[in-house]
């Protein structure tokens, strides 16, 4: 049995991610159709809610798969033994720390005449 090269492994990974991406997108289309049908019928039941949750989850999965595929494609675009570019990496996005909400109560005083 021959050993798999790094390029072969990357191509296989790209193919597998591509298949998962197609499956995920097909499921998203199906769920979107179901949700749309429910909306037109005015039927917002438990199945509709479940479909919305699943669609949201699948969108996150799709985003992750697309990111993986981009990374695999980047790796495939680099020649073996070629050093990576010396371009500085972009700064990671800053996450704002949510501030706790405060509730303020204001009491109005009556003025006596």
C-alpha atoms as a PDB file:
ATOM      1  CA  UNK A   1       0.000   0.000   0.000  1.00  0.00           C
ATOM      2  CA  UNK A   2       1.428   3.397  -0.948  1.00  0.00           C
ATOM      3  CA  UNK A   3       1.580   6.298   1.449  1.00  0.00           C
ATOM      4  CA  UNK A   4      -0.687   9.244   0.880  1.00  0.00           C
ATOM      5  CA  UNK A   5       1.103  12.487   0.137  1.00  0.00           C
ATOM      6  CA  UNK A   6       0.202  15.701   1.899  1.00  0.00           C
ATOM      7  CA  UNK A   7      -1.289  17.052  -1.332  1.00  0.00           C
ATOM      8  CA  UNK A   8      -3.390  13.895  -1.788  1.00  0.00           C
ATOM      9  CA  UNK A   9      -4.641  14.213   1.786  1.00  0.00           C
ATOM     10  CA  UNK A  10      -5.555  17.850   1.228  1.00  0.00           C
ATOM     11  CA  UNK A  11      -7.393  17.016  -1.998  1.00  0.00           C
ATOM     12  CA  UNK A  12      -9.307  14.255  -0.202  1.00  0.00           C
ATOM     13  CA  UNK A  13     -10.146  16.632   2.648  1.00  0.00           C
ATOM     14  CA  UNK A  14     -11.335  19.219   0.113  1.00  0.00           C
ATOM     15  CA  UNK A  15     -13.536  16.618  -1.548  1.00  0.00           C
ATOM     16  CA  UNK A  16     -15.028  15.496   1.781  1.00  0.00           C
ATOM     17  CA  UNK A  17     -15.687  19.057   2.914  1.00  0.00           C
ATOM     18  CA  UNK A  18     -17.266  19.766  -0.487  1.00  0.00           C
ATOM     19  CA  UNK A  19     -19.615  16.793  -0.061  1.00  0.00           C
ATOM     20  CA  UNK A  20     -20.610  17.880   3.457  1.00  0.00           C
ATOM     21  CA  UNK A  21     -21.159  21.403   2.191  1.00  0.00           C
ATOM     22  CA  UNK A  22     -23.499  20.170  -0.562  1.00  0.00           C
ATOM     23  CA  UNK A  23     -25.422  18.015   1.921  1.00  0.00           C
ATOM     24  CA  UNK A  24     -25.722  20.900   4.371  1.00  0.00           C
ATOM     25  CA  UNK A  25     -26.891  23.310   1.674  1.00  0.00           C
ATOM     26  CA  UNK A  26     -29.467  20.793   0.426  1.00  0.00           C
ATOM     27  CA  UNK A  27     -30.857  20.421   3.958  1.00  0.00           C
ATOM     28  CA  UNK A  28     -30.915  24.215   4.345  1.00  0.00           C
ATOM     29  CA  UNK A  29     -32.953  24.543   1.135  1.00  0.00           C
ATOM     30  CA  UNK A  30     -35.401  21.911   2.349  1.00  0.00           C
ATOM     31  CA  UNK A  31     -35.821  23.592   5.726  1.00  0.00           C
ATOM     32  CA  UNK A  32     -36.177  27.032   4.136  1.00  0.00           C
ATOM     33  CA  UNK A  33     -38.941  25.693   1.903  1.00  0.00           C
ATOM     34  CA  UNK A  34     -40.728  24.154   4.898  1.00  0.00           C
ATOM     35  CA  UNK A  35     -40.407  27.367   6.927  1.00  0.00           C
ATOM     36  CA  UNK A  36     -41.660  29.420   3.987  1.00  0.00           C
ATOM     37  CA  UNK A  37     -44.650  27.116   3.525  1.00  0.00           C
ATOM     38  CA  UNK A  38     -45.480  27.402   7.234  1.00  0.00           C
ATOM     39  CA  UNK A  39     -45.179  31.192   7.072  1.00  0.00           C
ATOM     40  CA  UNK A  40     -47.529  31.395   4.086  1.00  0.00           C
ATOM     41  CA  UNK A  41     -50.026  29.145   5.877  1.00  0.00           C
ATOM     42  CA  UNK A  42     -49.656  31.124   9.100  1.00  0.00           C
ATOM     43  CA  UNK A  43     -48.768  27.935  10.943  1.00  0.00           C
ATOM     44  CA  UNK A  44     -46.057  28.612  13.507  1.00  0.00           C
ATOM     45  CA  UNK A  45     -46.076  25.376  15.469  1.00  0.00           C
ATOM     46  CA  UNK A  46     -43.428  23.240  17.173  1.00  0.00           C
ATOM     47  CA  UNK A  47     -42.222  21.785  13.852  1.00  0.00           C
ATOM     48  CA  UNK A  48     -41.742  25.309  12.505  1.00  0.00           C
ATOM     49  CA  UNK A  49     -39.723  26.276  15.603  1.00  0.00           C
ATOM     50  CA  UNK A  50     -37.610  23.116  15.321  1.00  0.00           C
ATOM     51  CA  UNK A  51     -36.963  23.856  11.654  1.00  0.00           C
ATOM     52  CA  UNK A  52     -35.834  27.396  12.492  1.00  0.00           C
ATOM     53  CA  UNK A  53     -33.431  26.106  15.144  1.00  0.00           C
ATOM     54  CA  UNK A  54     -32.037  23.461  12.809  1.00  0.00           C
ATOM     55  CA  UNK A  55     -31.637  25.990   9.992  1.00  0.00           C
ATOM     56  CA  UNK A  56     -29.736  28.329  12.306  1.00  0.00           C
ATOM     57  CA  UNK A  57     -27.481  25.455  13.373  1.00  0.00           C
ATOM     58  CA  UNK A  58     -26.909  24.416   9.760  1.00  0.00           C
ATOM     59  CA  UNK A  59     -25.967  27.983   8.807  1.00  0.00           C
ATOM     60  CA  UNK A  60     -23.253  27.928  11.479  1.00  0.00           C
ATOM     61  CA  UNK A  61     -22.090  24.509  10.252  1.00  0.00           C
ATOM     62  CA  UNK A  62     -22.018  25.752   6.656  1.00  0.00           C
ATOM     63  CA  UNK A  63     -19.964  28.764   7.688  1.00  0.00           C
ATOM     64  CA  UNK A  64     -17.468  26.480   9.443  1.00  0.00           C
ATOM     65  CA  UNK A  65     -17.244  24.165   6.441  1.00  0.00           C
ATOM     66  CA  UNK A  66     -16.628  27.086   4.103  1.00  0.00           C
ATOM     67  CA  UNK A  67     -13.863  28.332   6.395  1.00  0.00           C
ATOM     68  CA  UNK A  68     -12.258  24.866   6.421  1.00  0.00           C
ATOM     69  CA  UNK A  69     -12.487  24.662   2.660  1.00  0.00           C
ATOM     70  CA  UNK A  70     -10.783  28.057   2.325  1.00  0.00           C
ATOM     71  CA  UNK A  71      -7.945  26.874   4.580  1.00  0.00           C
ATOM     72  CA  UNK A  72      -7.571  23.643   2.604  1.00  0.00           C
ATOM     73  CA  UNK A  73      -7.515  25.613  -0.647  1.00  0.00           C
ATOM     74  CA  UNK A  74      -4.842  27.915   0.758  1.00  0.00           C
ATOM     75  CA  UNK A  75      -2.748  24.893   1.693  1.00  0.00           C
ATOM     76  CA  UNK A  76      -3.208  23.397  -1.764  1.00  0.00           C
ATOM     77  CA  UNK A  77      -2.173  26.673  -3.381  1.00  0.00           C
ATOM     78  CA  UNK A  78       1.184  26.606  -1.556  1.00  0.00           C
ATOM     79  CA  UNK A  79       3.876  24.585  -3.251  1.00  0.00           C
ATOM     80  CA  UNK A  80       5.571  21.923  -1.148  1.00  0.00           C
ATOM     81  CA  UNK A  81       8.658  23.372   0.476  1.00  0.00           C
ATOM     82  CA  UNK A  82       7.580  26.918  -0.325  1.00  0.00           C
ATOM     83  CA  UNK A  83       7.767  29.158   2.711  1.00  0.00           C
ATOM     84  CA  UNK A  84       4.583  30.969   3.596  1.00  0.00           C
ATOM     85  CA  UNK A  85       4.366  34.600   2.639  1.00  0.00           C
ATOM     86  CA  UNK A  86       5.767  37.079   5.089  1.00  0.00           C
ATOM     87  CA  UNK A  87       2.630  39.173   4.978  1.00  0.00           C
ATOM     88  CA  UNK A  88       1.511  40.011   8.504  1.00  0.00           C
ATOM     89  CA  UNK A  89      -1.679  38.376   9.613  1.00  0.00           C
ATOM     90  CA  UNK A  90      -4.664  40.618  10.157  1.00  0.00           C
ATOM     91  CA  UNK A  91      -5.447  41.461  13.749  1.00  0.00           C
ATOM     92  CA  UNK A  92      -8.160  39.293  15.264  1.00  0.00           C
ATOM     93  CA  UNK A  93     -11.490  41.045  15.606  1.00  0.00           C
ATOM     94  CA  UNK A  94     -11.965  42.626  18.976  1.00  0.00           C
ATOM     95  CA  UNK A  95     -14.871  41.362  20.930  1.00  0.00           C
ATOM     96  CA  UNK A  96     -16.627  43.854  23.033  1.00  0.00           C
ATOM     97  CA  UNK A  97     -17.358  42.646  26.506  1.00  0.00           C
ATOM     98  CA  UNK A  98     -21.061  43.041  27.129  1.00  0.00           C
ATOM     99  CA  UNK A  99     -21.710  45.556  29.861  1.00  0.00           C
ATOM    100  CA  UNK A 100     -24.232  44.534  32.469  1.00  0.00           C
ATOM    101  CA  UNK A 101     -27.451  46.399  32.094  1.00  0.00           C
ATOM    102  CA  UNK A 102     -28.490  48.606  34.946  1.00  0.00           C
ATOM    103  CA  UNK A 103     -31.967  49.568  35.772  1.00  0.00           C
ATOM    104  CA  UNK A 104     -32.455  53.072  37.057  1.00  0.00           C
ATOM    105  CA  UNK A 105     -35.529  54.115  38.915  1.00  0.00           C
ATOM    106  CA  UNK A 106     -36.497  57.739  38.998  1.00  0.00           C
ATOM    107  CA  UNK A 107     -39.005  59.011  41.465  1.00  0.00           C
ATOM    108  CA  UNK A 108     -40.747  62.278  40.796  1.00  0.00           C
ATOM    109  CA  UNK A 109     -41.552  64.484  43.739  1.00  0.00           C
ATOM    110  CA  UNK A 110     -44.662  66.534  43.881  1.00  0.00           C
ATOM    111  CA  UNK A 111     -44.138  70.205  44.410  1.00  0.00           C
ATOM    112  CA  UNK A 112     -46.345  71.701  47.064  1.00  0.00           C
ATOM    113  CA  UNK A 113     -47.692  75.142  46.374  1.00  0.00           C
END
